[in-house]
Amino acid sequence: MPHVIIDPESTSLQERFALIKTPRKSRKRYPEGCVEIVETQALARAGSDAEKNLHPAVVYGPSVSSESQRIYYLLRWL
């Protein structure tokens, strides 16, 4: 599991299903603009589209990075 920085000010940090738009799956964290939160694992899997670089995943966040950007940490690919 990646090292996750907890933001004590945030009450919205939680594990979520998501679609991540990325051409490569080697990163451990993704900016909020690349992450689409979905309600269920089934919706994440159904939204997967390799041609559009959309990959289903479980993420944790959002958290504020040291650069003051909201990011999600990748927990695992689905």
C-alpha atoms as a PDB file:
ATOM      1  CA  MET A   1       0.000   0.000   0.000  1.00  0.00           C
ATOM      2  CA  PRO A   2       1.361   3.472  -0.843  1.00  0.00           C
ATOM      3  CA  HIS A   3       2.326   5.923   1.876  1.00  0.00           C
ATOM      4  CA  VAL A   4      -0.794   8.079   2.392  1.00  0.00           C
ATOM      5  CA  ILE A   5      -0.618  11.533   3.923  1.00  0.00           C
ATOM      6  CA  ILE A   6      -3.675  12.104   6.107  1.00  0.00           C
ATOM      7  CA  ASP A   7      -5.180  15.580   6.123  1.00  0.00           C
ATOM      8  CA  PRO A   8      -6.586  16.067   9.661  1.00  0.00           C
ATOM      9  CA  GLU A   9      -8.722  18.993   8.448  1.00  0.00           C
ATOM     10  CA  SER A  10     -10.631  16.851   5.974  1.00  0.00           C
ATOM     11  CA  THR A  11     -13.667  14.731   6.789  1.00  0.00           C
ATOM     12  CA  SER A  12     -14.047  13.535   3.186  1.00  0.00           C
ATOM     13  CA  LEU A  13     -11.071  11.141   3.148  1.00  0.00           C
ATOM     14  CA  GLN A  14     -12.225   7.637   2.394  1.00  0.00           C
ATOM     15  CA  GLU A  15     -11.708   4.604   0.228  1.00  0.00           C
ATOM     16  CA  ARG A  16     -13.703   4.925  -3.011  1.00  0.00           C
ATOM     17  CA  PHE A  17     -14.248   3.235  -6.362  1.00  0.00           C
ATOM     18  CA  ALA A  18     -13.061   5.316  -9.283  1.00  0.00           C
ATOM     19  CA  LEU A  19     -12.101   5.566 -12.912  1.00  0.00           C
ATOM     20  CA  ILE A  20      -8.635   6.998 -13.418  1.00  0.00           C
ATOM     21  CA  LYS A  21      -7.718   8.625 -16.724  1.00  0.00           C
ATOM     22  CA  THR A  22      -4.056   7.882 -17.318  1.00  0.00           C
ATOM     23  CA  PRO A  23      -1.967   6.504 -20.179  1.00  0.00           C
ATOM     24  CA  ARG A  24       0.261   4.564 -17.744  1.00  0.00           C
ATOM     25  CA  LYS A  25      -0.629   2.753 -14.548  1.00  0.00           C
ATOM     26  CA  SER A  26       2.698   3.117 -12.740  1.00  0.00           C
ATOM     27  CA  ARG A  27       1.910   6.128 -10.543  1.00  0.00           C
ATOM     28  CA  LYS A  28       0.821   5.889  -6.903  1.00  0.00           C
ATOM     29  CA  ARG A  29      -1.149   9.128  -6.733  1.00  0.00           C
ATOM     30  CA  TYR A  30      -3.323  11.039  -9.192  1.00  0.00           C
ATOM     31  CA  PRO A  31      -4.592  14.626  -9.305  1.00  0.00           C
ATOM     32  CA  GLU A  32      -8.294  15.148  -8.730  1.00  0.00           C
ATOM     33  CA  GLY A  33      -8.821  16.100 -12.396  1.00  0.00           C
ATOM     34  CA  CYS A  34      -7.806  12.589 -13.513  1.00  0.00           C
ATOM     35  CA  VAL A  35     -10.118  10.759 -11.091  1.00  0.00           C
ATOM     36  CA  GLU A  36     -13.842  10.166 -11.546  1.00  0.00           C
ATOM     37  CA  ILE A  37     -15.484   8.786  -8.404  1.00  0.00           C
ATOM     38  CA  VAL A  38     -18.225   6.196  -8.981  1.00  0.00           C
ATOM     39  CA  GLU A  39     -20.618   4.582  -6.504  1.00  0.00           C
ATOM     40  CA  THR A  40     -19.851   0.889  -6.997  1.00  0.00           C
ATOM     41  CA  GLN A  41     -17.174  -1.504  -8.122  1.00  0.00           C
ATOM     42  CA  ALA A  42     -19.491  -2.651 -10.920  1.00  0.00           C
ATOM     43  CA  LEU A  43     -19.753   0.929 -12.261  1.00  0.00           C
ATOM     44  CA  ALA A  44     -15.985   1.322 -12.123  1.00  0.00           C
ATOM     45  CA  ARG A  45     -15.478  -1.896 -14.079  1.00  0.00           C
ATOM     46  CA  ALA A  46     -18.228  -0.998 -16.566  1.00  0.00           C
ATOM     47  CA  GLY A  47     -16.676   2.418 -17.214  1.00  0.00           C
ATOM     48  CA  SER A  48     -13.281   0.971 -18.079  1.00  0.00           C
ATOM     49  CA  ASP A  49     -12.138   1.938 -21.582  1.00  0.00           C
ATOM     50  CA  ALA A  50      -8.559   1.174 -22.627  1.00  0.00           C
ATOM     51  CA  GLU A  51      -8.853   3.297 -25.780  1.00  0.00           C
ATOM     52  CA  LYS A  52      -9.736   6.346 -23.646  1.00  0.00           C
ATOM     53  CA  ASN A  53      -7.174   5.419 -20.963  1.00  0.00           C
ATOM     54  CA  LEU A  54      -9.898   4.956 -18.314  1.00  0.00           C
ATOM     55  CA  HIS A  55      -8.952   2.343 -15.726  1.00  0.00           C
ATOM     56  CA  PRO A  56     -11.066   1.095 -12.786  1.00  0.00           C
ATOM     57  CA  ALA A  57      -9.450   1.389  -9.368  1.00  0.00           C
ATOM     58  CA  VAL A  58      -9.881   1.784  -5.636  1.00  0.00           C
ATOM     59  CA  VAL A  59      -8.511   5.110  -4.406  1.00  0.00           C
ATOM     60  CA  TYR A  60      -8.154   6.957  -1.111  1.00  0.00           C
ATOM     61  CA  GLY A  61      -8.741  10.669  -0.791  1.00  0.00           C
ATOM     62  CA  PRO A  62      -8.916  13.397  -1.693  1.00  0.00           C
ATOM     63  CA  SER A  63      -5.959  14.704   0.237  1.00  0.00           C
ATOM     64  CA  VAL A  64      -4.065  17.954  -0.157  1.00  0.00           C
ATOM     65  CA  SER A  65      -0.534  17.453  -1.461  1.00  0.00           C
ATOM     66  CA  SER A  66       2.518  19.455  -0.433  1.00  0.00           C
ATOM     67  CA  GLU A  67       1.933  21.459  -3.632  1.00  0.00           C
ATOM     68  CA  SER A  68      -1.598  22.354  -2.393  1.00  0.00           C
ATOM     69  CA  GLN A  69      -3.292  20.162  -5.012  1.00  0.00           C
ATOM     70  CA  ARG A  70      -6.066  17.716  -4.214  1.00  0.00           C
ATOM     71  CA  ILE A  71      -4.909  14.185  -4.979  1.00  0.00           C
ATOM     72  CA  TYR A  72      -6.104  10.603  -4.708  1.00  0.00           C
ATOM     73  CA  TYR A  73      -3.839   7.732  -3.707  1.00  0.00           C
ATOM     74  CA  LEU A  74      -4.123   4.512  -5.675  1.00  0.00           C
ATOM     75  CA  LEU A  75      -4.862   1.571  -3.381  1.00  0.00           C
ATOM     76  CA  ARG A  76      -5.328  -1.043  -6.130  1.00  0.00           C
ATOM     77  CA  TRP A  77      -6.393  -1.492  -9.730  1.00  0.00           C
ATOM     78  CA  LEU A  78      -9.593  -3.473 -10.302  1.00  0.00           C
END
